Each structure stands twice: as C-alpha cells, then as structure tokens.
Amino acid sequence: MNFTYKTKGTCSSEISFDLEGGIIKNVVFRGGCNGNLKAISKLVEGQEATHIIEILKGNTCGPRDTSCADQLSKALESALVAQNA
C-alpha cells in the first residue's frame, strides 16, 4: 500500500513509500538533502517498519527538534496505524 506523508519542520516537504506486510519499499523524499536522503532510502529498503522506527525516532538535525529521518519514523508510525485500522 502506498503512503504519502507531509513533513513538518524539515527541509524535505514530503515522503512517499510503500508498506507491504510491514516491510518498507520505494521510499522517496521530496526536497531536502538529496544525497543523504537517497542514502536513507537505500538503507531502509526491505526493512521492517517497526525496526526502522526504533532506530530513527527522535533523531534531530542541527537546532531543530526533528529531522528527515525522524519524520520518516513518524510517517511509518502513521502508515502502520492506517494499515491496522
């Protein structure tokens, strides 16, 4: 199932991804630090959403209280709730 999440407090404005049986696929960030976000997308591909949430949740960027990685964890949490509803 495909999900799109509007980020808050980051340079990226949106994250889209597929979630199939709790497995993350096809993560794409819109905006943000292109190289870093491509790397995050490659690292989380094929991983369990719950595991990635544990790793990335609470990660900050500079003086911000969030980051693109933290926003991905929030997006995954939201997608899991929607899938289980």
C-alpha atoms as a PDB file:
ATOM      1  CA  MET A   1       0.000   0.000   0.000  1.00  0.00           C
ATOM      2  CA  ASN A   2       1.356   3.447  -0.929  1.00  0.00           C
ATOM      3  CA  PHE A   3       1.567   6.241   1.638  1.00  0.00           C
ATOM      4  CA  THR A   4       2.414   9.934   1.371  1.00  0.00           C
ATOM      5  CA  TYR A   5       3.353  11.964   4.447  1.00  0.00           C
ATOM      6  CA  LYS A   6       3.687  15.766   4.629  1.00  0.00           C
ATOM      7  CA  THR A   7       6.725  16.516   6.786  1.00  0.00           C
ATOM      8  CA  LYS A   8       6.915  19.236   9.435  1.00  0.00           C
ATOM      9  CA  GLY A   9       9.996  21.195  10.478  1.00  0.00           C
ATOM     10  CA  THR A  10      12.385  19.808   7.853  1.00  0.00           C
ATOM     11  CA  CYS A  11      13.868  20.818   4.522  1.00  0.00           C
ATOM     12  CA  SER A  12      12.047  17.949   2.839  1.00  0.00           C
ATOM     13  CA  SER A  13       8.347  18.598   2.312  1.00  0.00           C
ATOM     14  CA  GLU A  14       7.025  15.105   1.692  1.00  0.00           C
ATOM     15  CA  ILE A  15       7.881  11.414   1.988  1.00  0.00           C
ATOM     16  CA  SER A  16       6.231   8.709  -0.081  1.00  0.00           C
ATOM     17  CA  PHE A  17       6.734   4.982   0.351  1.00  0.00           C
ATOM     18  CA  ASP A  18       5.101   1.587   0.071  1.00  0.00           C
ATOM     19  CA  LEU A  19       4.452  -0.638   3.049  1.00  0.00           C
ATOM     20  CA  GLU A  20       3.871  -4.321   2.306  1.00  0.00           C
ATOM     21  CA  GLY A  21       3.311  -6.555   5.316  1.00  0.00           C
ATOM     22  CA  GLY A  22       5.283  -4.149   7.495  1.00  0.00           C
ATOM     23  CA  ILE A  23       8.210  -4.057   5.037  1.00  0.00           C
ATOM     24  CA  ILE A  24       9.358  -0.674   3.671  1.00  0.00           C
ATOM     25  CA  LYS A  25       9.744  -0.209  -0.087  1.00  0.00           C
ATOM     26  CA  ASN A  26      10.251   2.621  -2.576  1.00  0.00           C
ATOM     27  CA  VAL A  27      10.994   5.492  -0.167  1.00  0.00           C
ATOM     28  CA  VAL A  28      11.197   8.875  -1.907  1.00  0.00           C
ATOM     29  CA  PHE A  29      11.766  12.224  -0.175  1.00  0.00           C
ATOM     30  CA  ARG A  30      10.698  15.445  -1.870  1.00  0.00           C
ATOM     31  CA  GLY A  31      13.195  18.229  -1.195  1.00  0.00           C
ATOM     32  CA  GLY A  32      15.874  18.130   1.487  1.00  0.00           C
ATOM     33  CA  CYS A  33      19.495  16.981   1.278  1.00  0.00           C
ATOM     34  CA  ASN A  34      19.421  14.871  -1.853  1.00  0.00           C
ATOM     35  CA  GLY A  35      22.424  12.627  -1.194  1.00  0.00           C
ATOM     36  CA  ASN A  36      21.647  11.964   2.459  1.00  0.00           C
ATOM     37  CA  LEU A  37      18.007  11.213   1.782  1.00  0.00           C
ATOM     38  CA  LYS A  38      18.836   8.855  -1.084  1.00  0.00           C
ATOM     39  CA  ALA A  39      21.145   7.034   1.325  1.00  0.00           C
ATOM     40  CA  ILE A  40      18.429   6.770   3.997  1.00  0.00           C
ATOM     41  CA  SER A  41      16.034   5.451   1.358  1.00  0.00           C
ATOM     42  CA  LYS A  42      18.509   2.734   0.340  1.00  0.00           C
ATOM     43  CA  LEU A  43      19.262   1.774   3.941  1.00  0.00           C
ATOM     44  CA  VAL A  44      15.621   1.314   4.936  1.00  0.00           C
ATOM     45  CA  GLU A  45      14.565  -0.545   1.769  1.00  0.00           C
ATOM     46  CA  GLY A  46      13.355  -4.033   2.645  1.00  0.00           C
ATOM     47  CA  GLN A  47      13.499  -3.409   6.405  1.00  0.00           C
ATOM     48  CA  GLU A  48      10.738  -3.898   8.981  1.00  0.00           C
ATOM     49  CA  ALA A  49       8.972  -0.595   9.656  1.00  0.00           C
ATOM     50  CA  THR A  50       8.932  -1.180  13.415  1.00  0.00           C
ATOM     51  CA  HIS A  51      12.713  -1.687  13.469  1.00  0.00           C
ATOM     52  CA  ILE A  52      13.368   1.481  11.464  1.00  0.00           C
ATOM     53  CA  ILE A  53      11.026   3.482  13.724  1.00  0.00           C
ATOM     54  CA  GLU A  54      13.057   2.376  16.772  1.00  0.00           C
ATOM     55  CA  ILE A  55      16.310   3.456  15.110  1.00  0.00           C
ATOM     56  CA  LEU A  56      15.258   6.802  13.609  1.00  0.00           C
ATOM     57  CA  LYS A  57      12.688   8.154  16.082  1.00  0.00           C
ATOM     58  CA  GLY A  58      13.939  11.244  17.904  1.00  0.00           C
ATOM     59  CA  ASN A  59      16.858  11.929  15.551  1.00  0.00           C
ATOM     60  CA  THR A  60      17.427  15.698  15.276  1.00  0.00           C
ATOM     61  CA  CYS A  61      19.021  17.972  12.674  1.00  0.00           C
ATOM     62  CA  GLY A  62      21.035  20.967  13.867  1.00  0.00           C
ATOM     63  CA  PRO A  63      18.957  23.106  16.226  1.00  0.00           C
ATOM     64  CA  ARG A  64      15.691  21.519  15.091  1.00  0.00           C
ATOM     65  CA  ASP A  65      13.858  19.071  17.329  1.00  0.00           C
ATOM     66  CA  THR A  66      13.223  16.792  14.329  1.00  0.00           C
ATOM     67  CA  SER A  67      14.935  15.643  11.135  1.00  0.00           C
ATOM     68  CA  CYS A  68      14.025  13.977   7.865  1.00  0.00           C
ATOM     69  CA  ALA A  69      14.879  10.627   9.475  1.00  0.00           C
ATOM     70  CA  ASP A  70      12.638  11.419  12.464  1.00  0.00           C
ATOM     71  CA  GLN A  71       9.872  12.462  10.089  1.00  0.00           C
ATOM     72  CA  LEU A  72      10.245   9.121   8.290  1.00  0.00           C
ATOM     73  CA  SER A  73       9.712   7.362  11.628  1.00  0.00           C
ATOM     74  CA  LYS A  74       6.533   9.414  12.157  1.00  0.00           C
ATOM     75  CA  ALA A  75       5.365   8.611   8.629  1.00  0.00           C
ATOM     76  CA  LEU A  76       5.921   4.904   9.221  1.00  0.00           C
ATOM     77  CA  GLU A  77       4.040   5.024  12.535  1.00  0.00           C
ATOM     78  CA  SER A  78       1.137   6.754  10.827  1.00  0.00           C
ATOM     79  CA  ALA A  79       1.119   4.198   7.998  1.00  0.00           C
ATOM     80  CA  LEU A  80       1.131   1.273  10.419  1.00  0.00           C
ATOM     81  CA  VAL A  81      -1.842   2.730  12.292  1.00  0.00           C
ATOM     82  CA  ALA A  82      -3.706   3.275   8.991  1.00  0.00           C
ATOM     83  CA  GLN A  83      -2.970  -0.281   7.849  1.00  0.00           C
ATOM     84  CA  ASN A  84      -4.243  -1.756  11.118  1.00  0.00           C
ATOM     85  CA  ALA A  85      -7.415   0.383  11.229  1.00  0.00           C
END
